[in-house]
Amino acid sequence: QVQLVESGGGLQQAGGSLRLSCEAFGRTFSNYAVSWIRQAQGKEREFVAGISRSGGRTSYADSVKGRFTISRNSAINAVSLQMSSLEPEDTAVYYCAARFTTNSSDTKIDTSPSSYTNWGQGTQVTVSS
């Protein structure tokens, strides 16, 4: 199993930016497709952005397209989420989630949180209006 540790959350004003990082420990991170999934208080977890194991394909929820960018750096076993033009509706706990795949050609990005078997502890993002 890979262990995931998120960092970078905090309080930001609407219109501002934050960068979240997810560091992986324990196994080769390049064998995992990775997504950021968030959960607002009283709501279900929802897919935000995902990146394939090679980094060649990305996917975004409609609500964050054009504002968020996901990327990965295999050299340091990390995936980042750059968030810009933040809105109060972005307030949530953000989780890094990973799905192991043995297929090096796998470009699938699952948007269902139940597809992911490895989760970080989450980092709180709060956007004030």
Foldseek 3Di string as FASTA:
>chain_A
DKAKAKDWADEAAAQAKTKMKIAIDDDQLLQKKKFKWWDAPPGDIWTAKTAFSVRPDIDGDPVQPPFWDWGDDSVRRMIMIIGGSDDQVPWTWMKMFIAGDPDNPDGDDDGDPVRTDYIYPTDTHGYHD
